[in-house]
N, C-alpha and C. Protein backbone atom coordinates (compact mmCIF):
# COMPACT_ATOMS: atom_id res chain seq x y z
N ASN A 1 6.20 18.59 41.62
CA ASN A 1 4.92 19.33 41.18
C ASN A 1 4.45 18.18 40.18
N ASN A 2 3.61 17.38 40.85
CA ASN A 2 2.93 16.30 39.68
C ASN A 2 1.87 16.93 38.99
N VAL A 3 2.15 16.82 37.83
CA VAL A 3 0.82 17.70 36.97
C VAL A 3 0.38 16.52 36.04
N ALA A 4 1.16 15.65 35.73
CA ALA A 4 0.53 14.72 34.79
C ALA A 4 1.06 13.24 35.20
N GLY A 5 1.45 12.81 36.29
CA GLY A 5 2.35 11.66 36.40
C GLY A 5 1.29 10.86 37.32
N LEU A 6 1.80 10.47 38.52
CA LEU A 6 0.98 9.35 39.55
C LEU A 6 -0.28 10.10 39.68
N VAL A 7 -1.04 9.00 39.58
CA VAL A 7 -2.85 9.24 39.94
C VAL A 7 -3.07 8.26 41.04
N ASP A 8 -3.78 8.96 42.10
CA ASP A 8 -4.10 8.29 43.32
C ASP A 8 -5.52 7.24 43.19
N ASP A 9 -5.94 6.52 44.32
CA ASP A 9 -6.86 5.67 44.03
C ASP A 9 -8.27 6.02 43.51
N THR A 10 -8.44 7.59 43.58
CA THR A 10 -9.70 8.16 43.28
C THR A 10 -9.53 8.85 41.70
N GLY A 11 -8.40 8.62 41.18
CA GLY A 11 -8.10 8.97 39.69
C GLY A 11 -7.74 10.61 39.75
N ASP A 12 -7.30 11.11 41.04
CA ASP A 12 -6.87 12.49 41.17
C ASP A 12 -5.13 12.73 40.92
N ILE A 13 -4.70 13.58 40.61
CA ILE A 13 -3.39 13.69 40.26
C ILE A 13 -3.07 14.99 41.50
N SER A 14 -2.17 14.56 42.42
CA SER A 14 -1.61 15.45 43.50
C SER A 14 -0.11 15.26 43.58
N ASP A 15 0.51 16.05 44.40
CA ASP A 15 1.85 15.92 44.73
C ASP A 15 2.22 14.89 45.58
N TRP A 16 3.03 14.21 45.45
CA TRP A 16 3.42 12.85 46.44
C TRP A 16 4.62 12.93 47.04
N ILE A 17 4.94 12.13 48.35
CA ILE A 17 6.38 11.93 48.69
C ILE A 17 6.42 10.48 48.56
N GLU A 18 7.83 10.16 48.46
CA GLU A 18 8.07 8.82 48.29
C GLU A 18 9.10 8.52 49.57
N LEU A 19 8.89 7.23 50.14
CA LEU A 19 9.93 6.92 51.47
C LEU A 19 10.41 5.58 51.05
N HIS A 20 11.78 5.36 51.28
CA HIS A 20 12.48 4.26 50.73
C HIS A 20 13.02 3.42 51.83
N ASN A 21 12.78 2.44 52.25
CA ASN A 21 13.65 1.59 53.42
C ASN A 21 14.56 0.83 52.82
N ARG A 22 15.87 1.44 53.02
CA ARG A 22 17.12 0.85 52.27
C ARG A 22 17.87 -0.33 53.02
N GLY A 23 17.01 -0.53 54.56
CA GLY A 23 17.62 -1.34 55.44
C GLY A 23 17.33 -2.72 55.03
N ASN A 24 17.77 -3.59 56.06
CA ASN A 24 17.38 -5.04 56.10
C ASN A 24 16.31 -5.58 56.83
N ALA A 25 15.74 -4.68 57.50
CA ALA A 25 14.51 -4.97 58.42
C ALA A 25 13.36 -3.77 58.34
N SER A 26 12.23 -4.37 58.59
CA SER A 26 10.84 -3.78 58.35
C SER A 26 10.96 -2.48 59.18
N VAL A 27 10.79 -1.35 58.65
CA VAL A 27 10.55 0.00 59.73
C VAL A 27 9.06 0.50 59.94
N SER A 28 8.88 0.38 61.15
CA SER A 28 7.63 1.00 61.54
C SER A 28 7.32 2.43 61.57
N LEU A 29 6.42 3.24 61.01
CA LEU A 29 6.24 4.53 61.01
C LEU A 29 5.28 5.15 62.03
N LEU A 30 5.08 4.28 63.10
CA LEU A 30 4.27 4.71 64.07
C LEU A 30 5.16 5.77 64.96
N ASN A 31 4.41 6.90 65.21
CA ASN A 31 4.89 8.20 65.74
C ASN A 31 5.80 8.71 64.85
N TRP A 32 5.78 8.67 63.62
CA TRP A 32 6.56 9.41 62.50
C TRP A 32 5.42 10.32 62.15
N LYS A 33 5.89 11.61 61.71
CA LYS A 33 5.36 12.76 61.02
C LYS A 33 5.89 13.39 59.88
N LEU A 34 5.13 13.76 58.95
CA LEU A 34 5.35 14.60 57.93
C LEU A 34 5.19 15.99 58.32
N VAL A 35 6.10 16.87 58.07
CA VAL A 35 5.88 18.54 58.73
C VAL A 35 6.12 19.20 57.38
N TYR A 36 5.16 19.67 57.06
CA TYR A 36 5.17 20.62 55.62
C TYR A 36 4.95 22.13 56.09
N ASN A 37 5.81 22.94 55.98
CA ASN A 37 5.80 24.26 56.71
C ASN A 37 5.31 24.20 58.08
N GLU A 38 3.94 24.60 58.41
CA GLU A 38 3.49 24.60 60.06
C GLU A 38 2.72 23.55 60.16
N THR A 39 2.27 22.68 59.10
CA THR A 39 1.21 21.67 59.13
C THR A 39 1.92 20.17 59.18
N ILE A 40 1.29 19.66 60.31
CA ILE A 40 1.80 18.34 60.79
C ILE A 40 0.87 17.08 60.30
N TRP A 41 1.44 16.18 59.78
CA TRP A 41 0.55 14.80 59.45
C TRP A 41 1.22 13.42 60.27
N THR A 42 0.56 12.73 60.91
CA THR A 42 1.14 11.67 61.66
C THR A 42 0.81 10.34 60.88
N PHE A 43 1.64 9.61 60.77
CA PHE A 43 1.38 8.26 60.07
C PHE A 43 0.81 7.44 60.95
N PRO A 44 -0.12 6.51 60.27
CA PRO A 44 -0.74 5.67 61.03
C PRO A 44 0.16 4.56 61.19
N ASP A 45 -0.17 3.49 62.01
CA ASP A 45 0.75 2.37 62.42
C ASP A 45 0.97 1.37 60.95
N VAL A 46 1.93 1.87 60.10
CA VAL A 46 2.17 1.04 58.93
C VAL A 46 3.77 0.86 59.08
N GLN A 47 4.07 -0.11 58.22
CA GLN A 47 5.28 -0.73 58.29
C GLN A 47 5.83 -0.59 56.60
N ILE A 48 7.14 -0.18 56.47
CA ILE A 48 7.91 -0.30 55.33
C ILE A 48 8.86 -1.60 55.17
N SER A 49 8.59 -2.61 54.32
CA SER A 49 9.61 -3.68 54.23
C SER A 49 11.03 -3.42 53.75
N PRO A 50 11.75 -4.35 54.21
CA PRO A 50 13.02 -3.74 53.54
C PRO A 50 13.29 -3.75 52.13
N ASN A 51 13.76 -2.68 51.62
CA ASN A 51 14.02 -2.34 50.29
C ASN A 51 12.98 -2.32 49.59
N GLN A 52 12.07 -1.78 50.34
CA GLN A 52 10.41 -1.27 49.55
C GLN A 52 10.28 0.29 49.76
N TYR A 53 9.26 0.72 48.90
CA TYR A 53 8.99 2.14 48.78
C TYR A 53 7.64 2.41 49.05
N MET A 54 7.31 3.34 49.77
CA MET A 54 5.96 3.67 50.12
C MET A 54 5.80 5.13 49.69
N VAL A 55 4.48 5.52 48.76
CA VAL A 55 3.98 6.62 48.39
C VAL A 55 2.99 7.21 49.35
N VAL A 56 3.21 8.54 49.50
CA VAL A 56 2.19 9.17 50.46
C VAL A 56 1.74 10.45 49.59
N PHE A 57 0.51 10.42 49.22
CA PHE A 57 -0.02 11.66 48.31
C PHE A 57 -0.29 12.99 49.53
N ALA A 58 0.10 13.87 49.04
CA ALA A 58 0.14 15.19 49.29
C ALA A 58 -1.33 15.99 48.82
N SER A 59 -2.27 15.38 49.22
CA SER A 59 -3.46 15.53 48.36
C SER A 59 -4.63 16.62 49.50
N GLY A 60 -4.27 16.55 50.71
CA GLY A 60 -5.37 17.16 51.60
C GLY A 60 -6.39 16.47 51.92
N LYS A 61 -6.37 15.14 51.67
CA LYS A 61 -7.73 14.30 51.85
C LYS A 61 -7.41 13.61 53.16
N ASN A 62 -6.16 13.34 53.83
CA ASN A 62 -6.28 13.06 55.27
C ASN A 62 -6.84 11.54 55.33
N LYS A 63 -6.29 10.46 54.27
CA LYS A 63 -6.75 9.11 54.40
C LYS A 63 -5.62 8.31 54.99
N PHE A 64 -5.88 7.34 55.72
CA PHE A 64 -5.25 6.40 56.53
C PHE A 64 -5.28 5.06 56.08
N SER A 65 -6.27 4.81 55.02
CA SER A 65 -6.39 3.34 54.67
C SER A 65 -6.15 3.33 53.35
N GLY A 66 -5.82 2.07 52.78
CA GLY A 66 -5.66 2.31 51.26
C GLY A 66 -4.48 2.95 51.03
N GLN A 67 -4.27 3.83 50.30
CA GLN A 67 -3.37 4.89 50.04
C GLN A 67 -3.38 5.70 50.89
N LEU A 68 -2.08 6.19 51.37
CA LEU A 68 -2.12 7.28 52.37
C LEU A 68 -2.14 8.62 51.57
N HIS A 69 -2.76 9.52 52.43
CA HIS A 69 -2.96 11.04 51.96
C HIS A 69 -2.85 12.10 53.08
N THR A 70 -1.82 12.82 52.90
CA THR A 70 -1.61 13.90 54.03
C THR A 70 -3.08 14.70 54.31
N ASN A 71 -2.97 15.64 55.37
CA ASN A 71 -4.03 16.48 55.59
C ASN A 71 -3.41 18.00 54.91
N PHE A 72 -2.46 18.05 54.20
CA PHE A 72 -2.04 19.16 53.43
C PHE A 72 -1.76 18.79 51.86
N THR A 73 -1.72 20.03 51.27
CA THR A 73 -1.20 20.07 49.63
C THR A 73 0.01 20.82 49.74
N MET A 74 0.70 20.50 48.92
CA MET A 74 2.02 21.25 48.50
C MET A 74 2.15 22.36 47.54
N SER A 75 2.83 23.27 47.60
CA SER A 75 3.14 24.24 46.59
C SER A 75 4.43 24.12 45.91
N ASN A 76 4.56 24.97 45.01
CA ASN A 76 6.06 24.73 44.36
C ASN A 76 6.88 26.00 44.77
N ARG A 77 6.72 26.50 45.82
CA ARG A 77 7.48 27.70 46.37
C ARG A 77 8.85 27.48 46.57
N ASP A 78 9.87 28.20 46.50
CA ASP A 78 11.17 27.96 47.20
C ASP A 78 11.43 27.95 48.50
N ASP A 79 10.70 28.73 49.20
CA ASP A 79 10.54 28.59 50.73
C ASP A 79 9.78 27.74 51.47
N ASP A 80 9.32 26.49 51.01
CA ASP A 80 8.65 25.63 51.68
C ASP A 80 9.30 24.89 52.41
N TYR A 81 9.09 24.02 53.19
CA TYR A 81 9.84 23.35 54.04
C TYR A 81 8.92 21.83 54.32
N LEU A 82 9.45 20.71 54.02
CA LEU A 82 9.19 19.41 54.23
C LEU A 82 10.21 18.54 54.99
N THR A 83 9.61 17.80 55.98
CA THR A 83 10.72 17.04 56.77
C THR A 83 9.82 16.02 57.33
N LEU A 84 10.80 14.78 57.50
CA LEU A 84 10.08 13.59 58.47
C LEU A 84 10.87 13.65 59.68
N ARG A 85 9.97 13.43 60.67
CA ARG A 85 10.25 13.60 62.06
C ARG A 85 9.74 12.42 62.81
N LYS A 86 10.17 12.15 63.64
CA LYS A 86 9.80 10.96 64.91
C LYS A 86 9.57 11.86 66.11
N GLY A 87 8.67 11.39 66.87
CA GLY A 87 8.06 11.84 68.17
C GLY A 87 6.93 12.35 68.27
N PRO A 88 6.50 12.64 69.58
CA PRO A 88 5.10 13.23 69.60
C PRO A 88 4.86 14.51 69.35
N ASN A 89 5.95 15.18 69.23
CA ASN A 89 5.97 16.69 68.83
C ASN A 89 7.29 17.14 68.32
N PRO A 90 7.18 17.73 66.91
CA PRO A 90 8.39 18.13 65.92
C PRO A 90 8.90 19.27 66.74
N GLU A 91 9.99 19.62 66.81
CA GLU A 91 10.69 20.91 67.05
C GLU A 91 11.39 21.69 66.04
């Protein structure tokens, strides 16, 4: 629940998701998706280098260049569901 922290490239504050590649090789996020409740957002063809972090803003802006922004915003409800899945269709 980001209320006064990380600011995106347009100066807006929104929730964000951080991914970390703890491995020794780059990881492609092609065909990976973030699923938030019933909403699916698919990553563009981007890579995370070894021991690097990637921030994805849950802003609802649906941007794929520069900073990444999902097509959904998140709430602070106990029953929310967020997962990272690979493949054409989450199950």
